[in-house]
């Protein structure tokens, strides 16, 4: 299908029309992809502005200093427990409460891209330091981010690069910086890996911080990707990032994350984004803006063309309904479903897409929704679900279904499914809202974001 997508059309700025208007539903699509979701009130307000203005707000609004201070205090308290899972709960809480949710959504992207797991890196301080690094560069300079992640203590430990010595170069990081972080498969040779590994010799950790040990560094000549010299680690990062395939690889991953799971974007389709990334000296923000204001983003090729991850499902449900809950329980449930924050399954991160869905995970996702909405610690707008929806003027079953469809669903709910849920809600004298919301959140359409 990509072969028939005109790249010039795809990345041209979206202009709302009668066929694809800018309204509450299209605003909800933007907030689901650029963040985790938005309330009916937030979407109504967004629909009154231009889509480009909303994107600029999502990309340009800084976190308030008061929120940053609160998060720092809570993170330190989580680390003090000695249980890294408390830090996962902290991040879930941050996702639920941040006023700058696109920054958090993009930080999650980089966490999957530079996947590092607390299963191996058991020091909460190091995992937090990396998490803050990813957040600080979320929209920023990928060149600097790649260099900093190469020196990051959590990453050095995770890929055994902290034991990289000139007598026994460790090739793990050299392989992954090319295959998974920058270039993709087929863009380098095994010789390139061996030579690049020599560049990173002597990069180690002392007192939980990066240190260069010149006595353990191989300062001989190396040939990497057709360049020869007595390169160090910084040179290695520069050479890798200088390859033509680097901006193509990053642009492709951004399109998959923010636009569509399938079909896989082609090099031809992402070529304009790759050029913009290279022309902007690898600054991410202009490329994100172009993606989120594009024709392709608001087209049928994007709408409902992604499977919600466990984080998107849970955080999105709660944020859309002004929900709050026990963050530790929430983080544990997402971990059970395969997307534990700070616990990616491997250095490849999460595969995403259809891999989120099978008979086991569908049951798990259903159970997650039920646990969230029946947990006595869950509140909706600081009150009960019934009182919250009544305040939104959604009181009878069909009004409630229509209200939830507008803010939670990427594609319309089939009439037959609406009828079944309405019938279920009318048949219950108590708990009908919970049963109705749960039933809606288990139909196939809800799995799409």
Protein backbone atom coordinates (compact mmCIF):
# COMPACT_ATOMS: atom_id res chain seq x y z
CA UNK A 1 0.00 0.00 0.00
CA UNK A 2 2.92 2.36 0.67
CA UNK A 3 3.81 2.26 -3.02
CA UNK A 4 0.70 4.33 -3.81
CA UNK A 5 1.26 6.92 -1.09
CA UNK A 6 2.68 10.11 -2.55
CA UNK A 7 5.29 11.36 -0.04
CA UNK A 8 4.66 14.98 -1.05
CA UNK A 9 0.95 14.58 -0.26
CA UNK A 10 1.64 12.53 2.87
CA UNK A 11 3.73 15.18 4.62
CA UNK A 12 1.98 18.29 3.31
CA UNK A 13 0.13 20.22 6.01
CA UNK A 14 -3.35 18.90 6.75
CA UNK A 15 -6.16 21.25 5.75
CA UNK A 16 -9.51 20.27 7.29
CA UNK A 17 -12.40 19.84 4.86
CA UNK A 18 -15.88 18.33 4.75
CA UNK A 19 -14.49 14.82 4.33
CA UNK A 20 -11.96 15.13 7.17
CA UNK A 21 -13.06 17.96 9.44
CA UNK A 22 -11.19 19.23 12.47
CA UNK A 23 -13.56 18.41 15.31
CA UNK A 24 -13.70 16.64 18.64
CA UNK A 25 -13.05 13.23 17.05
CA UNK A 26 -9.98 14.29 15.07
CA UNK A 27 -8.68 16.19 18.10
CA UNK A 28 -9.07 12.97 20.11
CA UNK A 29 -6.97 11.17 17.49
CA UNK A 30 -4.21 13.74 17.90
CA UNK A 31 -4.23 13.52 21.69
CA UNK A 32 -4.22 9.70 21.65
CA UNK A 33 -1.15 9.61 19.42
CA UNK A 34 0.75 12.65 20.69
CA UNK A 35 -0.15 11.80 24.28
CA UNK A 36 -2.38 9.29 26.02
CA UNK A 37 -5.78 10.92 25.61
CA UNK A 38 -7.80 13.92 26.71
CA UNK A 39 -11.03 14.70 28.48
CA UNK A 40 -14.19 15.77 26.68
CA UNK A 41 -13.64 19.33 27.88
CA UNK A 42 -10.05 19.40 26.64
CA UNK A 43 -11.10 18.04 23.26
CA UNK A 44 -13.94 20.52 22.93
CA UNK A 45 -11.52 23.37 23.60
CA UNK A 46 -8.98 21.94 21.14
CA UNK A 47 -11.62 21.68 18.41
CA UNK A 48 -12.08 25.46 18.62
CA UNK A 49 -8.44 26.05 17.67
CA UNK A 50 -6.44 25.17 14.57
CA UNK A 51 -4.78 21.73 14.59
CA UNK A 52 -1.37 23.31 14.02
CA UNK A 53 -1.88 25.49 17.10
CA UNK A 54 -2.66 22.44 19.23
CA UNK A 55 0.44 20.64 17.95
CA UNK A 56 2.55 23.69 18.74
CA UNK A 57 1.13 23.72 22.27
CA UNK A 58 1.87 20.00 22.70
CA UNK A 59 5.44 20.47 21.52
CA UNK A 60 6.18 23.85 23.02
CA UNK A 61 4.62 23.96 26.48
CA UNK A 62 7.23 23.39 29.20
CA UNK A 63 6.51 21.52 32.40
CA UNK A 64 5.74 23.88 35.28
CA UNK A 65 8.56 24.09 37.80
CA UNK A 66 6.16 23.12 40.58
CA UNK A 67 5.34 19.86 38.78
CA UNK A 68 9.02 19.13 38.19
CA UNK A 69 9.73 19.66 41.87
CA UNK A 70 6.90 17.34 42.86
CA UNK A 71 8.16 14.63 40.49
CA UNK A 72 11.72 14.95 41.80
CA UNK A 73 10.52 14.56 45.38
CA UNK A 74 8.38 11.53 44.53
CA UNK A 75 11.18 9.93 42.50
CA UNK A 76 13.64 10.29 45.37
CA UNK A 77 11.09 8.74 47.73
CA UNK A 78 10.61 5.83 45.31
CA UNK A 79 14.37 5.23 45.05
CA UNK A 80 14.74 5.36 48.83
CA UNK A 81 12.53 2.25 49.14
CA UNK A 82 15.19 0.18 47.33
CA UNK A 83 12.47 -1.32 45.11
CA UNK A 84 12.85 -0.24 41.48
CA UNK A 85 9.21 -1.16 40.87
CA UNK A 86 8.32 1.86 42.97
CA UNK A 87 10.05 3.90 40.28
CA UNK A 88 7.82 2.25 37.66
CA UNK A 89 4.84 3.37 39.75
CA UNK A 90 6.32 6.87 39.88
CA UNK A 91 6.48 6.98 36.08
CA UNK A 92 2.90 5.72 35.77
CA UNK A 93 1.83 8.48 38.16
CA UNK A 94 3.75 11.02 36.10
CA UNK A 95 2.06 9.88 32.89
CA UNK A 96 -1.33 10.23 34.52
CA UNK A 97 -0.69 13.71 35.87
CA UNK A 98 1.72 15.51 33.58
CA UNK A 99 0.35 18.67 31.98
CA UNK A 100 2.81 18.07 29.11
CA UNK A 101 1.83 14.62 27.98
CA UNK A 102 3.53 14.64 24.59
CA UNK A 103 6.88 14.92 26.31
CA UNK A 104 6.00 11.84 28.35
CA UNK A 105 4.72 9.93 25.30
CA UNK A 106 7.95 10.69 23.44
CA UNK A 107 10.02 9.72 26.48
CA UNK A 108 8.24 6.35 26.35
CA UNK A 109 9.22 6.12 22.68
CA UNK A 110 12.89 6.67 23.51
CA UNK A 111 12.65 4.19 26.39
CA UNK A 112 11.56 1.55 23.89
CA UNK A 113 14.22 2.67 21.42
CA UNK A 114 17.12 2.72 23.91
CA UNK A 115 15.63 -0.16 25.88
CA UNK A 116 17.26 -0.73 29.27
CA UNK A 117 15.71 -2.97 31.91
CA UNK A 118 15.75 -2.71 35.68
CA UNK A 119 15.73 -6.49 35.66
CA UNK A 120 19.50 -6.21 35.11
CA UNK A 121 20.18 -2.60 36.16
CA UNK A 122 18.85 -2.90 39.69
CA UNK A 123 20.03 0.54 40.84
CA UNK A 124 16.99 2.83 40.88
CA UNK A 125 19.14 5.96 40.80
CA UNK A 126 20.76 4.87 37.53
CA UNK A 127 17.39 4.01 35.95
CA UNK A 128 16.00 7.40 37.00
CA UNK A 129 19.04 9.21 35.61
CA UNK A 130 18.53 7.53 32.24
CA UNK A 131 14.79 8.24 32.31
CA UNK A 132 15.47 11.93 32.94
CA UNK A 133 18.04 11.95 30.15
CA UNK A 134 15.48 10.61 27.67
CA UNK A 135 12.94 13.19 28.83
CA UNK A 136 15.38 16.09 28.55
CA UNK A 137 16.14 15.19 24.92
CA UNK A 138 12.63 14.00 24.00
CA UNK A 139 12.20 16.60 21.22
CA UNK A 140 15.82 17.68 21.06
CA UNK A 141 19.14 16.89 19.40
CA UNK A 142 19.36 13.18 18.57
CA UNK A 143 23.12 13.51 18.02
CA UNK A 144 23.61 14.64 21.60
CA UNK A 145 21.13 12.09 22.93
CA UNK A 146 22.97 9.26 21.17
CA UNK A 147 26.30 10.39 22.61
CA UNK A 148 24.86 10.80 26.11
CA UNK A 149 23.09 7.42 26.04
CA UNK A 150 26.41 5.87 24.96
CA UNK A 151 27.94 7.21 28.19
CA UNK A 152 24.88 6.52 30.34
CA UNK A 153 25.78 4.26 33.30
CA UNK A 154 22.53 2.26 33.09
CA UNK A 155 23.14 1.58 29.39
CA UNK A 156 26.81 0.73 30.01
CA UNK A 157 25.75 -1.86 32.58
CA UNK A 158 22.85 -3.22 30.54
CA UNK A 159 24.99 -3.94 27.48
CA UNK A 160 28.12 -4.90 29.43
CA UNK A 161 30.00 -1.94 27.98
CA UNK A 162 31.36 -1.00 31.40
CA UNK A 163 33.77 -3.95 31.10
CA UNK A 164 35.01 -2.98 27.63
CA UNK A 165 38.81 -3.24 27.77
CA UNK A 166 41.44 -2.90 25.04
CA UNK A 167 42.62 -6.47 25.66
CA UNK A 168 39.07 -7.87 25.34
CA UNK A 169 36.75 -5.46 23.50
CA UNK A 170 33.06 -6.09 24.23
CA UNK A 171 31.00 -5.84 21.04
CA UNK A 172 27.51 -5.60 22.55
CA UNK A 173 27.09 -1.84 22.46
CA UNK A 174 28.87 -1.44 19.12
CA UNK A 175 26.38 -3.87 17.56
CA UNK A 176 23.29 -2.29 19.09
CA UNK A 177 24.21 1.33 18.38
CA UNK A 178 24.25 0.41 14.70
CA UNK A 179 21.51 -2.20 14.44
CA UNK A 180 18.92 -0.92 16.93
CA UNK A 181 19.76 2.67 17.78
CA UNK A 182 20.92 4.34 14.55
CA UNK A 183 21.17 2.44 11.28
CA UNK A 184 19.19 -0.79 11.14
CA UNK A 185 20.12 -4.23 9.86
CA UNK A 186 22.23 -4.57 6.73
CA UNK A 187 23.91 -1.18 7.07
CA UNK A 188 27.20 -2.39 8.56
CA UNK A 189 29.54 -5.39 8.64
CA UNK A 190 30.88 -7.58 11.41
CA UNK A 191 34.22 -5.85 10.89
CA UNK A 192 32.54 -2.51 11.55
CA UNK A 193 31.23 -3.90 14.85
CA UNK A 194 34.65 -5.13 15.95
CA UNK A 195 36.34 -1.86 15.03
CA UNK A 196 33.64 0.26 16.65
CA UNK A 197 33.88 -1.79 19.85
CA UNK A 198 37.55 -0.78 20.07
CA UNK A 199 36.46 2.88 20.07
CA UNK A 200 34.47 2.36 23.26
CA UNK A 201 37.24 0.61 25.19
CA UNK A 202 38.00 2.35 28.46
CA UNK A 203 34.47 3.68 28.90
CA UNK A 204 33.55 2.64 32.42
CA UNK A 205 31.67 3.64 35.58
CA UNK A 206 33.07 5.02 38.81
CA UNK A 207 30.82 6.04 41.70
CA UNK A 208 27.75 5.62 39.48
CA UNK A 209 29.07 8.06 36.89
CA UNK A 210 30.72 7.70 33.49
CA UNK A 211 34.51 7.80 33.43
CA UNK A 212 37.00 7.45 30.60
CA UNK A 213 39.93 5.22 31.53
CA UNK A 214 42.65 6.06 29.03
CA UNK A 215 44.79 3.14 30.21
CA UNK A 216 42.11 0.70 29.03
CA UNK A 217 41.45 2.48 25.73
CA UNK A 218 42.68 1.07 22.43
CA UNK A 219 44.25 4.12 20.77
CA UNK A 220 45.30 2.32 17.58
CA UNK A 221 43.95 3.01 14.10
CA UNK A 222 40.47 1.71 13.34
CA UNK A 223 38.41 1.51 10.13
CA UNK A 224 34.68 2.01 10.65
CA UNK A 225 32.14 2.35 7.87
CA UNK A 226 34.93 3.22 5.39
CA UNK A 227 36.59 5.82 7.64
CA UNK A 228 40.04 5.27 9.18
CA UNK A 229 41.69 6.96 12.14
CA UNK A 230 42.72 6.59 15.79
CA UNK A 231 39.09 7.03 16.80
CA UNK A 232 37.62 7.22 20.30
CA UNK A 233 34.05 6.63 21.37
CA UNK A 234 32.87 10.13 20.48
CA UNK A 235 34.30 9.67 16.97
CA UNK A 236 32.53 6.31 16.68
CA UNK A 237 29.16 7.89 17.52
CA UNK A 238 29.80 10.70 15.03
CA UNK A 239 30.73 8.27 12.24
CA UNK A 240 27.67 6.10 12.83
CA UNK A 241 25.36 9.10 12.87
CA UNK A 242 26.93 10.45 9.70
CA UNK A 243 25.59 7.55 7.64
CA UNK A 244 22.80 8.26 5.16
CA UNK A 245 20.67 5.53 6.70
CA UNK A 246 20.68 7.14 10.18
CA UNK A 247 17.99 9.81 9.63
CA UNK A 248 16.01 7.33 7.52
CA UNK A 249 16.04 4.81 10.35
CA UNK A 250 14.93 7.31 13.01
CA UNK A 251 12.24 8.83 10.78
CA UNK A 252 10.85 5.38 10.03
CA UNK A 253 10.60 4.53 13.72
CA UNK A 254 8.88 7.82 14.49
CA UNK A 255 6.29 7.17 11.76
CA UNK A 256 5.61 3.68 13.06
CA UNK A 257 5.18 4.98 16.60
CA UNK A 258 3.03 8.03 15.90
CA UNK A 259 1.22 7.20 12.65
CA UNK A 260 0.62 3.53 11.82
CA UNK A 261 1.69 0.00 12.65
CA UNK A 262 0.97 -1.34 9.17
CA UNK A 263 1.93 -1.22 6.40
CA UNK A 264 5.56 -0.70 7.36
CA UNK A 265 6.72 2.71 6.12
CA UNK A 266 9.10 2.56 3.15
CA UNK A 267 12.33 4.48 2.72
CA UNK A 268 10.64 6.42 -0.11
CA UNK A 269 7.75 7.44 2.12
CA UNK A 270 9.95 8.70 4.95
CA UNK A 271 12.54 10.32 2.67
CA UNK A 272 11.16 13.88 3.17
CA UNK A 273 11.22 13.39 6.94
CA UNK A 274 14.75 11.99 6.81
CA UNK A 275 15.85 15.03 4.80
CA UNK A 276 14.21 17.37 7.30
CA UNK A 277 15.90 15.52 10.15
CA UNK A 278 19.28 15.82 8.49
CA UNK A 279 18.71 19.46 7.49
CA UNK A 280 17.74 20.32 11.08
CA UNK A 281 20.99 18.78 12.38
CA UNK A 282 19.06 15.80 13.82
CA UNK A 283 16.70 17.91 15.94
CA UNK A 284 13.56 15.82 16.54
CA UNK A 285 10.97 18.55 17.15
CA UNK A 286 10.53 19.82 13.54
CA UNK A 287 10.01 16.25 12.33
CA UNK A 288 7.43 15.53 15.03
CA UNK A 289 5.60 18.71 14.12
CA UNK A 290 5.52 17.77 10.45
CA UNK A 291 4.23 14.28 11.26
CA UNK A 292 1.46 15.51 13.56
CA UNK A 293 0.26 18.22 11.15
CA UNK A 294 0.38 16.06 8.03
CA UNK A 295 -2.24 14.74 5.61
CA UNK A 296 -1.11 11.19 6.32
CA UNK A 297 -1.59 11.57 10.07
CA UNK A 298 -5.27 12.49 9.67
CA UNK A 299 -5.99 10.08 6.82
CA UNK A 300 -7.64 6.62 6.94
CA UNK A 301 -4.10 5.22 6.68
CA UNK A 302 -3.51 6.46 10.23
CA UNK A 303 -6.90 6.68 11.95
CA UNK A 304 -7.41 3.52 13.99
CA UNK A 305 -4.32 1.94 12.42
CA UNK A 306 -2.42 1.29 15.62
CA UNK A 307 -3.02 -1.29 18.35
CA UNK A 308 -3.03 0.27 21.80
CA UNK A 309 -0.14 -0.81 23.97
CA UNK A 310 -0.98 -1.70 27.60
CA UNK A 311 0.33 1.72 28.69
CA UNK A 312 -1.75 3.53 26.07
CA UNK A 313 -4.82 1.49 27.02
CA UNK A 314 -4.58 2.02 30.77
CA UNK A 315 -3.22 5.57 30.93
CA UNK A 316 -5.48 6.63 28.05
CA UNK A 317 -8.63 5.31 29.72
CA UNK A 318 -7.83 7.09 32.97
CA UNK A 319 -6.69 10.40 31.47
CA UNK A 320 -9.76 10.61 29.22
CA UNK A 321 -12.03 10.28 32.26
CA UNK A 322 -9.94 12.37 34.68
CA UNK A 323 -9.12 9.12 36.43
CA UNK A 324 -6.72 8.54 39.29
CA UNK A 325 -5.79 5.23 40.91
CA UNK A 326 -3.11 3.42 42.88
CA UNK A 327 -0.01 3.92 40.72
CA UNK A 328 1.82 0.83 42.01
CA UNK A 329 -1.12 -1.45 41.18
CA UNK A 330 -1.39 0.23 37.77
CA UNK A 331 2.30 -0.30 36.99
CA UNK A 332 2.06 -3.95 38.07
CA UNK A 333 -0.95 -4.57 35.83
CA UNK A 334 0.86 -3.07 32.83
CA UNK A 335 3.89 -5.22 33.61
CA UNK A 336 1.67 -8.32 33.66
CA UNK A 337 0.38 -7.38 30.21
CA UNK A 338 3.92 -7.15 28.85
CA UNK A 339 4.74 -3.45 29.07
CA UNK A 340 6.35 -2.88 32.40
CA UNK A 341 7.73 0.64 32.67
CA UNK A 342 11.52 0.35 33.04
CA UNK A 343 11.20 -3.37 32.25
CA UNK A 344 11.35 -3.81 28.45
CA UNK A 345 11.68 -7.49 27.48
CA UNK A 346 15.02 -7.09 25.68
CA UNK A 347 17.38 -4.54 24.13
CA UNK A 348 14.98 -4.52 21.15
CA UNK A 349 12.27 -2.99 23.31
CA UNK A 350 8.65 -3.85 22.60
CA UNK A 351 7.68 -5.13 19.16
CA UNK A 352 4.28 -3.44 19.39
CA UNK A 353 1.55 -3.64 16.79
CA UNK A 354 -0.26 -6.95 16.52
CA UNK A 355 2.09 -8.58 19.01
CA UNK A 356 0.08 -6.87 21.77
CA UNK A 357 -2.96 -8.95 20.86
CA UNK A 358 -3.58 -12.66 21.39
CA UNK A 359 -6.16 -14.72 23.26
CA UNK A 360 -4.23 -14.41 26.52
CA UNK A 361 -3.56 -10.68 26.34
CA UNK A 362 -7.15 -9.91 25.29
CA UNK A 363 -8.34 -11.53 28.51
CA UNK A 364 -5.64 -9.68 30.43
CA UNK A 365 -6.62 -6.35 28.90
CA UNK A 366 -10.24 -6.99 29.84
CA UNK A 367 -9.22 -7.80 33.39
CA UNK A 368 -7.06 -4.67 33.54
CA UNK A 369 -9.99 -2.45 32.61
CA UNK A 370 -12.22 -4.13 35.19
CA UNK A 371 -9.61 -3.78 37.92
CA UNK A 372 -9.09 -0.12 37.11
CA UNK A 373 -12.74 0.83 37.21
CA UNK A 374 -13.67 -1.33 40.21
CA UNK A 375 -10.62 -0.51 42.36
CA UNK A 376 -11.82 1.37 45.42
CA UNK A 377 -8.84 3.71 44.97
CA UNK A 378 -9.89 4.74 41.46
CA UNK A 379 -11.66 8.06 41.16
CA UNK A 380 -13.03 9.89 38.15
CA UNK A 381 -12.74 13.62 38.56
CA UNK A 382 -12.25 12.91 42.29
CA UNK A 383 -15.66 11.26 42.48
CA UNK A 384 -17.51 8.11 41.39
CA UNK A 385 -17.94 7.12 37.75
CA UNK A 386 -21.69 7.68 37.98
CA UNK A 387 -21.33 11.17 39.45
CA UNK A 388 -18.59 12.06 36.97
CA UNK A 389 -20.65 11.08 33.91
CA UNK A 390 -23.73 12.79 35.30
CA UNK A 391 -21.70 15.98 35.60
CA UNK A 392 -20.85 15.55 31.91
CA UNK A 393 -24.60 15.37 31.18
CA UNK A 394 -24.31 11.70 30.22
CA UNK A 395 -27.01 10.02 32.29
CA UNK A 396 -28.94 7.48 30.20
CA UNK A 397 -27.23 4.43 28.64
CA UNK A 398 -27.15 5.68 25.03
CA UNK A 399 -25.83 9.12 26.04
CA UNK A 400 -23.11 7.44 28.08
CA UNK A 401 -22.14 5.17 25.18
CA UNK A 402 -21.97 8.12 22.76
CA UNK A 403 -19.94 10.15 25.24
CA UNK A 404 -17.42 7.36 25.77
CA UNK A 405 -17.23 6.62 22.05
CA UNK A 406 -16.25 10.20 21.27
CA UNK A 407 -13.32 10.35 23.69
CA UNK A 408 -12.13 6.72 23.86
CA UNK A 409 -12.60 5.17 20.43
CA UNK A 410 -10.45 5.70 17.35
CA UNK A 411 -13.10 4.23 15.05
CA UNK A 412 -16.91 4.14 15.39
CA UNK A 413 -18.51 1.46 17.55
CA UNK A 414 -20.74 -0.84 15.44
CA UNK A 415 -24.44 -0.27 16.08
CA UNK A 416 -24.89 -3.91 17.08
CA UNK A 417 -22.25 -3.53 19.79
CA UNK A 418 -23.89 -0.33 21.02
CA UNK A 419 -27.23 -2.11 21.22
CA UNK A 420 -25.73 -4.99 23.23
CA UNK A 421 -24.05 -2.66 25.70
CA UNK A 422 -27.18 -0.52 26.04
CA UNK A 423 -29.24 -3.63 26.71
CA UNK A 424 -26.74 -4.78 29.33
CA UNK A 425 -26.82 -1.43 31.08
CA UNK A 426 -30.61 -1.28 31.11
CA UNK A 427 -30.84 -4.78 32.55
CA UNK A 428 -28.83 -3.87 35.63
CA UNK A 429 -30.30 -1.89 38.48
CA UNK A 430 -26.87 -1.39 40.07
CA UNK A 431 -23.34 -1.31 38.73
CA UNK A 432 -24.63 -0.72 35.20
CA UNK A 433 -22.09 1.98 34.48
CA UNK A 434 -19.19 -0.23 35.44
CA UNK A 435 -20.56 -3.14 33.43
CA UNK A 436 -21.26 -0.88 30.47
CA UNK A 437 -17.81 0.74 30.48
CA UNK A 438 -16.16 -2.64 30.90
CA UNK A 439 -18.17 -4.12 28.03
CA UNK A 440 -17.25 -1.20 25.76
CA UNK A 441 -13.58 -1.53 26.60
CA UNK A 442 -13.48 -5.21 25.67
CA UNK A 443 -14.82 -4.95 22.12
CA UNK A 444 -12.28 -5.19 19.25
CA UNK A 445 -12.65 -1.52 18.29
CA UNK A 446 -11.35 -0.38 21.68
CA UNK A 447 -8.04 -2.15 21.09
CA UNK A 448 -7.22 0.34 18.31
CA UNK A 449 -5.75 3.71 19.10
